[in-house]
Amino acid sequence: MHRTRKLLFMTLSLTLAMPAFAAQRVILKDGYEVCGDVLKSDEQVVIVDIGATVLRLPRAQVARIQRAEPNDIEAPLDVADASTSEHAWQIYRTASLSPTTIERNVDRFGEAVVMVTSPGGQGSGFIVSPDGFLITNYHVIARETRIKVTVFERTPTGFEQKHYKKVRIIALNPFVDLALLKIEEPGKTFKYAYLGDMKVLEAGQQVFAIGNPLGLTRTVSQGIISTTNRNMDGRLYIQTTTDINPGNSGGPLFNLRGEVIGVTSMGYLFLGGLNFAIPVDVVKRFVQNRDAFAYDEDNPNMGFRYLQPGPRTKRDAPPPARPPVQPDA
């Protein structure tokens, strides 16, 4: 399994360089795709000629084989042609994207992931609209008003850090640990990520996170979904084996379609594989109802807090229960 996946990454550049007359597409169960001439296909193996080399794939890893069209190879990279859904009141975008590799998804949506910094600390976030709205965790900016967002923009020579200090707090909800911010930069168009759908998530699916753990910018980590509905202190989370460390908080958890399916929130530092993300449907409800959680500059620390009940004042044992009263005959 690992050898095959490594070979797929090694041959990815060769696959992208293939001519447009590739005959068939071999779609693997983990979301990878290989385009080429299928030389052999039986119950044990599928052998694909991709031009520069011949790739041997175990049949158990192949989901299906279908005819390739001339533009099949480049289609997953063209998110501009994705079917989007938006309304005047809806800030975020959704799309119908095809599964592809983590490497391609990082290339497509990596610029949408940002670093969020305040005097109290540093975390991650991700942009959800071209005009600069972004999501992060509430605890990343809790009780802070001076916020800086760092965007990593692609240039011909690599990535360049763009720092934005005019950041407006739009809405806060400490109970679900989410915050909606906006970069105030008129005329600027930002790269953004699409929000996915919880209905199509299943345990075992591959996912990956992009964030800034311990200040190590643009770090990518990979894992699977352990469960889609883990209860932690009365809240539902996506449990994942994807590494989440301090600094990842507020960043996106992606599926292989490149859609955000959760907001990375917390993990156990000394217990590997136990990490949690806020489900994307919670994010959608928060953004849709942002007026209810609108930030008030005159009362920045607003929000209800449920107080613990007072301690027991009488240490004596409670009185015995009274026998039930018998109704009159």
Protein backbone atom coordinates (compact mmCIF):
# COMPACT_ATOMS: atom_id res chain seq x y z
CA MET A 1 0.00 0.00 0.00
CA HIS A 2 2.66 2.49 1.04
CA ARG A 3 4.91 1.47 -1.84
CA THR A 4 2.11 2.02 -4.33
CA ARG A 5 1.26 5.43 -2.90
CA LYS A 6 4.91 6.47 -3.00
CA LEU A 7 5.10 5.37 -6.61
CA LEU A 8 2.00 7.40 -7.41
CA PHE A 9 3.63 10.54 -6.03
CA MET A 10 6.82 9.81 -7.95
CA THR A 11 4.90 9.47 -11.21
CA LEU A 12 2.51 12.39 -10.62
CA SER A 13 4.59 14.80 -12.69
CA LEU A 14 4.79 12.23 -15.46
CA THR A 15 1.03 11.76 -15.44
CA LEU A 16 0.43 15.52 -15.71
CA ALA A 17 2.75 15.65 -18.71
CA MET A 18 0.85 12.97 -20.62
CA PRO A 19 -0.57 13.70 -24.07
CA ALA A 20 -4.29 14.37 -24.42
CA PHE A 21 -5.01 11.05 -26.18
CA ALA A 22 -4.78 8.94 -22.97
CA ALA A 23 -7.33 6.17 -23.37
CA GLN A 24 -8.52 5.44 -19.84
CA ARG A 25 -8.70 6.79 -16.30
CA VAL A 26 -7.97 4.43 -13.40
CA ILE A 27 -9.65 5.81 -10.28
CA LEU A 28 -8.35 4.44 -6.98
CA LYS A 29 -10.40 3.96 -3.83
CA ASP A 30 -8.35 6.54 -1.89
CA GLY A 31 -9.06 9.32 -4.42
CA TYR A 32 -5.98 9.12 -6.61
CA GLU A 33 -6.34 8.95 -10.40
CA VAL A 34 -4.01 7.61 -13.09
CA CYS A 35 -4.54 8.33 -16.81
CA GLY A 36 -3.03 6.08 -19.47
CA ASP A 37 -3.44 2.96 -21.62
CA VAL A 38 -4.57 -0.03 -19.57
CA LEU A 39 -2.35 -2.90 -20.77
CA LYS A 40 -3.80 -5.53 -18.45
CA SER A 41 -6.72 -5.76 -16.05
CA ASP A 42 -7.64 -8.88 -14.10
CA GLU A 43 -8.65 -9.88 -10.59
CA GLN A 44 -5.11 -9.38 -9.26
CA VAL A 45 -3.56 -6.37 -10.97
CA VAL A 46 -4.12 -3.42 -13.28
CA ILE A 47 -1.14 -2.40 -15.43
CA VAL A 48 -1.22 1.13 -16.88
CA ASP A 49 1.14 2.61 -19.48
CA ILE A 50 1.43 6.33 -18.65
CA GLY A 51 3.93 7.09 -21.40
CA ALA A 52 7.23 7.40 -19.56
CA THR A 53 6.78 4.29 -17.45
CA VAL A 54 4.39 1.42 -16.71
CA LEU A 55 2.52 1.48 -13.42
CA ARG A 56 1.41 -1.74 -11.70
CA LEU A 57 -1.59 -1.30 -9.37
CA PRO A 58 -3.14 -3.92 -7.08
CA ARG A 59 -6.70 -4.58 -8.23
CA ALA A 60 -8.00 -4.27 -4.65
CA GLN A 61 -7.06 -0.57 -4.68
CA VAL A 62 -8.88 0.23 -7.93
CA ALA A 63 -12.40 1.65 -7.64
CA ARG A 64 -13.19 1.78 -11.36
CA ILE A 65 -11.78 2.23 -14.83
CA GLN A 66 -13.40 4.59 -17.29
CA ARG A 67 -12.72 6.20 -20.64
CA ALA A 68 -10.61 9.37 -20.49
CA GLU A 69 -11.54 12.57 -22.25
CA PRO A 70 -8.86 14.94 -23.62
CA ASN A 71 -9.21 17.36 -20.71
CA ASP A 72 -9.58 14.81 -17.91
CA ILE A 73 -6.13 15.39 -16.50
CA GLU A 74 -6.45 19.12 -16.09
CA ALA A 75 -10.13 19.27 -15.11
CA PRO A 76 -9.66 18.68 -11.34
CA LEU A 77 -7.28 21.66 -11.19
CA ASP A 78 -9.76 24.12 -12.71
CA VAL A 79 -11.88 25.23 -9.77
CA ALA A 80 -13.11 28.22 -11.77
CA ASP A 81 -15.43 25.86 -13.63
CA ALA A 82 -16.77 24.30 -10.41
CA SER A 83 -20.47 24.69 -9.80
CA THR A 84 -20.70 27.22 -6.98
CA SER A 85 -23.59 28.16 -4.75
CA GLU A 86 -23.94 31.54 -3.08
CA HIS A 87 -26.55 34.09 -2.00
CA ALA A 88 -26.35 37.74 -1.03
CA TRP A 89 -26.50 36.81 2.64
CA GLN A 90 -24.16 33.86 2.31
CA ILE A 91 -20.50 34.72 2.70
CA TYR A 92 -18.98 31.30 2.15
CA ARG A 93 -18.85 29.34 -1.12
CA THR A 94 -19.56 25.70 -1.91
CA ALA A 95 -18.62 23.74 -5.03
CA SER A 96 -18.85 20.33 -6.65
CA LEU A 97 -15.21 19.24 -6.92
CA SER A 98 -13.61 15.98 -8.01
CA PRO A 99 -11.38 13.98 -5.64
CA THR A 100 -7.68 14.33 -6.32
CA THR A 101 -4.37 14.09 -4.52
CA ILE A 102 -3.36 15.98 -1.42
CA GLU A 103 -0.52 17.55 -3.38
CA ARG A 104 -2.92 19.03 -5.95
CA ASN A 105 -5.31 20.25 -3.26
CA VAL A 106 -2.52 21.98 -1.37
CA ASP A 107 -1.54 23.67 -4.63
CA ARG A 108 -5.14 24.77 -5.26
CA PHE A 109 -6.18 25.95 -1.81
CA GLY A 110 -3.00 26.46 0.21
CA GLU A 111 -3.10 30.23 -0.33
CA ALA A 112 -6.50 30.40 1.41
CA VAL A 113 -4.91 29.31 4.71
CA VAL A 114 -3.60 32.20 6.81
CA MET A 115 -1.85 32.90 10.09
CA VAL A 116 -3.81 34.82 12.72
CA THR A 117 -1.73 36.70 15.30
CA SER A 118 -2.69 38.73 18.36
CA PRO A 119 -0.81 39.94 21.46
CA GLY A 120 -2.10 36.83 23.22
CA GLY A 121 -0.81 34.26 20.78
CA GLN A 122 -0.89 32.84 17.27
CA GLY A 123 -3.10 30.45 15.36
CA SER A 124 -4.43 29.65 11.92
CA GLY A 125 -7.48 30.51 9.84
CA PHE A 126 -8.83 30.21 6.32
CA ILE A 127 -10.44 32.67 3.90
CA VAL A 128 -13.96 31.80 2.73
CA SER A 129 -14.70 34.62 0.26
CA PRO A 130 -12.73 36.68 -2.28
CA ASP A 131 -13.30 39.90 -0.33
CA GLY A 132 -11.42 38.69 2.72
CA PHE A 133 -13.87 37.08 5.17
CA LEU A 134 -12.14 34.36 7.17
CA ILE A 135 -12.83 31.79 9.87
CA THR A 136 -10.71 30.98 12.91
CA ASN A 137 -11.21 29.69 16.45
CA TYR A 138 -12.63 32.01 19.09
CA HIS A 139 -9.88 31.03 21.51
CA VAL A 140 -7.23 32.26 19.04
CA ILE A 141 -8.41 35.87 19.43
CA ALA A 142 -10.32 35.72 22.73
CA ARG A 143 -10.31 39.11 24.54
CA GLU A 144 -8.10 40.64 21.85
CA THR A 145 -8.79 43.58 19.53
CA ARG A 146 -5.42 44.03 17.78
CA ILE A 147 -5.32 41.25 15.22
CA LYS A 148 -2.90 40.68 12.34
CA VAL A 149 -3.51 38.25 9.48
CA THR A 150 -0.64 36.92 7.38
CA VAL A 151 -1.51 35.71 3.88
CA PHE A 152 0.95 33.54 1.97
CA GLU A 153 0.74 34.63 -1.66
CA ARG A 154 2.32 32.62 -4.43
CA THR A 155 4.96 34.37 -6.55
CA PRO A 156 7.14 33.13 -9.42
CA THR A 157 9.95 32.48 -6.92
CA GLY A 158 7.92 30.95 -4.09
CA PHE A 159 5.62 32.35 -1.42
CA GLU A 160 5.59 35.89 -0.09
CA GLN A 161 4.12 36.87 3.27
CA LYS A 162 1.59 39.70 3.14
CA HIS A 163 0.69 41.17 6.55
CA TYR A 164 -2.70 42.83 7.08
CA LYS A 165 -3.25 44.76 10.31
CA LYS A 166 -6.65 46.22 9.45
CA VAL A 167 -8.72 43.23 10.52
CA ARG A 168 -12.30 43.66 11.68
CA ILE A 169 -14.04 41.27 14.07
CA ILE A 170 -17.43 40.45 12.57
CA ALA A 171 -18.87 37.82 14.90
CA LEU A 172 -17.86 35.68 17.88
CA ASN A 173 -19.38 32.56 19.36
CA PRO A 174 -17.38 31.22 22.32
CA PHE A 175 -19.77 28.30 22.83
CA VAL A 176 -18.77 26.69 19.52
CA ASP A 177 -15.27 28.26 19.54
CA LEU A 178 -15.63 30.12 16.24
CA ALA A 179 -14.85 33.65 15.07
CA LEU A 180 -15.58 35.45 11.80
CA LEU A 181 -13.07 38.14 10.76
CA LYS A 182 -12.63 40.36 7.71
CA ILE A 183 -9.45 41.75 6.20
CA GLU A 184 -10.11 45.40 5.39
CA GLU A 185 -8.31 45.79 2.07
CA PRO A 186 -10.60 47.43 -0.54
CA GLY A 187 -10.06 46.23 -4.09
CA LYS A 188 -8.05 43.19 -3.03
CA THR A 189 -9.18 39.76 -4.21
CA PHE A 190 -8.13 36.85 -2.00
CA LYS A 191 -7.83 33.15 -2.70
CA TYR A 192 -10.49 31.26 -0.76
CA ALA A 193 -11.55 27.74 0.16
CA TYR A 194 -14.91 26.04 -0.37
CA LEU A 195 -16.98 24.58 2.47
CA GLY A 196 -17.95 20.93 2.16
CA ASP A 197 -20.86 18.78 3.31
CA MET A 198 -20.95 16.61 6.44
CA LYS A 199 -23.45 14.24 4.81
CA VAL A 200 -20.79 12.65 2.62
CA LEU A 201 -18.24 12.10 5.41
CA GLU A 202 -17.53 8.61 6.65
CA ALA A 203 -15.07 7.09 9.09
CA GLY A 204 -11.91 6.00 7.33
CA GLN A 205 -11.87 8.75 4.70
CA GLN A 206 -8.54 10.46 4.09
CA VAL A 207 -8.26 14.08 5.24
CA PHE A 208 -5.48 16.60 5.67
CA ALA A 209 -4.88 19.86 7.53
CA ILE A 210 -2.90 22.98 6.66
CA GLY A 211 -1.85 25.35 9.43
CA ASN A 212 0.95 26.97 11.37
CA PRO A 213 1.82 24.72 14.32
CA LEU A 214 4.33 26.33 16.67
CA GLY A 215 4.75 29.08 14.07
CA LEU A 216 5.95 26.64 11.38
CA THR A 217 4.03 28.19 8.52
CA ARG A 218 2.09 26.28 5.84
CA THR A 219 2.54 22.89 7.50
CA VAL A 220 0.55 20.02 5.95
CA SER A 221 -0.44 16.94 7.96
CA GLN A 222 -2.40 13.90 6.80
CA GLY A 223 -4.72 11.39 8.47
CA ILE A 224 -8.13 9.77 8.34
CA ILE A 225 -11.51 10.44 9.94
CA SER A 226 -11.78 8.32 13.07
CA THR A 227 -15.42 9.23 13.66
CA THR A 228 -17.70 11.99 12.43
CA ASN A 229 -19.53 12.68 15.70
CA ARG A 230 -17.42 12.47 18.85
CA ASN A 231 -18.97 14.04 21.95
CA MET A 232 -16.57 16.21 23.95
CA ASP A 233 -18.05 18.24 26.82
CA GLY A 234 -21.46 18.34 25.15
CA ARG A 235 -20.17 19.38 21.71
CA LEU A 236 -19.84 17.22 18.61
CA TYR A 237 -16.48 17.05 16.89
CA ILE A 238 -14.88 15.25 13.99
CA GLN A 239 -12.22 12.98 15.46
CA THR A 240 -9.21 12.55 13.19
CA THR A 241 -5.72 11.07 13.23
CA THR A 242 -4.45 14.19 11.42
CA ASP A 243 -1.83 15.88 13.62
CA ILE A 244 -3.11 19.09 15.23
CA ASN A 245 -0.71 21.04 17.42
CA PRO A 246 -0.69 24.49 19.07
CA GLY A 247 -0.81 26.97 16.21
CA ASN A 248 -3.04 24.73 14.06
CA SER A 249 -6.10 26.03 15.91
CA GLY A 250 -8.57 27.71 13.55
CA GLY A 251 -7.14 26.14 10.41
CA PRO A 252 -9.04 24.00 7.88
CA LEU A 253 -9.44 20.24 7.76
CA PHE A 254 -9.82 19.24 4.09
CA ASN A 255 -11.15 16.16 2.35
CA LEU A 256 -9.63 14.85 -0.90
CA ARG A 257 -12.01 17.04 -2.90
CA GLY A 258 -10.30 20.09 -1.45
CA GLU A 259 -13.40 21.07 0.55
CA VAL A 260 -13.18 22.25 4.15
CA ILE A 261 -15.03 19.73 6.30
CA GLY A 262 -13.94 21.03 9.70
CA VAL A 263 -12.03 23.64 11.70
CA THR A 264 -9.07 22.17 13.57
CA SER A 265 -9.59 22.92 17.22
CA MET A 266 -7.71 20.71 19.64
CA GLY A 267 -5.59 17.61 20.07
CA TYR A 268 -3.76 15.59 22.70
CA LEU A 269 -0.08 16.49 22.58
CA PHE A 270 1.18 13.25 24.13
CA LEU A 271 -1.39 10.87 22.64
CA GLY A 272 -0.87 10.65 18.90
CA GLY A 273 -3.89 10.24 16.67
CA LEU A 274 -6.42 11.91 18.98
CA ASN A 275 -7.31 15.21 17.35
CA PHE A 276 -10.58 17.06 16.88
CA ALA A 277 -12.18 19.51 14.46
CA ILE A 278 -15.40 21.51 14.58
CA PRO A 279 -17.78 20.09 11.92
CA VAL A 280 -18.39 22.24 8.86
CA ASP A 281 -22.17 22.31 9.37
CA VAL A 282 -21.54 24.16 12.67
CA VAL A 283 -19.41 26.65 10.75
CA LYS A 284 -22.16 27.21 8.18
CA ARG A 285 -24.80 27.86 10.85
CA PHE A 286 -22.48 30.27 12.63
CA VAL A 287 -21.82 32.27 9.44
CA GLN A 288 -25.46 32.22 8.32
CA ASN A 289 -26.58 33.52 11.72
CA ARG A 290 -23.64 35.89 12.23
CA ASP A 291 -25.95 38.80 13.07
CA ALA A 292 -26.93 36.98 16.26
CA PHE A 293 -23.26 36.83 17.28
CA ALA A 294 -22.22 40.24 15.97
CA TYR A 295 -19.21 41.73 17.71
CA ASP A 296 -19.95 44.75 19.89
CA GLU A 297 -17.01 47.13 20.19
CA ASP A 298 -18.52 48.69 23.29
CA ASN A 299 -18.76 45.29 25.00
CA PRO A 300 -15.99 43.18 23.49
CA ASN A 301 -16.11 40.47 26.15
CA MET A 302 -19.83 39.90 25.91
CA GLY A 303 -21.32 36.44 26.08
CA PHE A 304 -23.18 34.41 28.62
CA ARG A 305 -21.36 32.06 30.93
CA TYR A 306 -23.07 29.28 32.81
CA LEU A 307 -21.91 29.40 36.43
CA GLN A 308 -21.27 26.31 38.52
CA PRO A 309 -23.79 25.76 41.34
CA GLY A 310 -22.67 26.87 44.79
CA PRO A 311 -21.13 24.35 47.18
CA ARG A 312 -23.34 22.44 49.57
CA THR A 313 -23.68 24.32 52.86
CA LYS A 314 -25.16 21.53 55.01
CA ARG A 315 -22.96 18.49 55.43
CA ASP A 316 -25.59 16.38 57.22
CA ALA A 317 -27.12 13.44 55.46
CA PRO A 318 -30.35 14.29 53.65
CA PRO A 319 -33.56 13.36 55.47
CA PRO A 320 -35.11 10.00 54.61
CA ALA A 321 -37.65 10.02 51.83
CA ARG A 322 -41.26 10.20 52.97
CA PRO A 323 -43.54 7.26 52.16
CA PRO A 324 -45.97 7.99 49.33
CA VAL A 325 -49.36 9.28 50.44
CA GLN A 326 -52.13 6.79 49.91
CA PRO A 327 -55.22 8.25 48.24
CA ASP A 328 -58.48 8.05 50.19
CA ALA A 329 -60.65 5.07 49.34
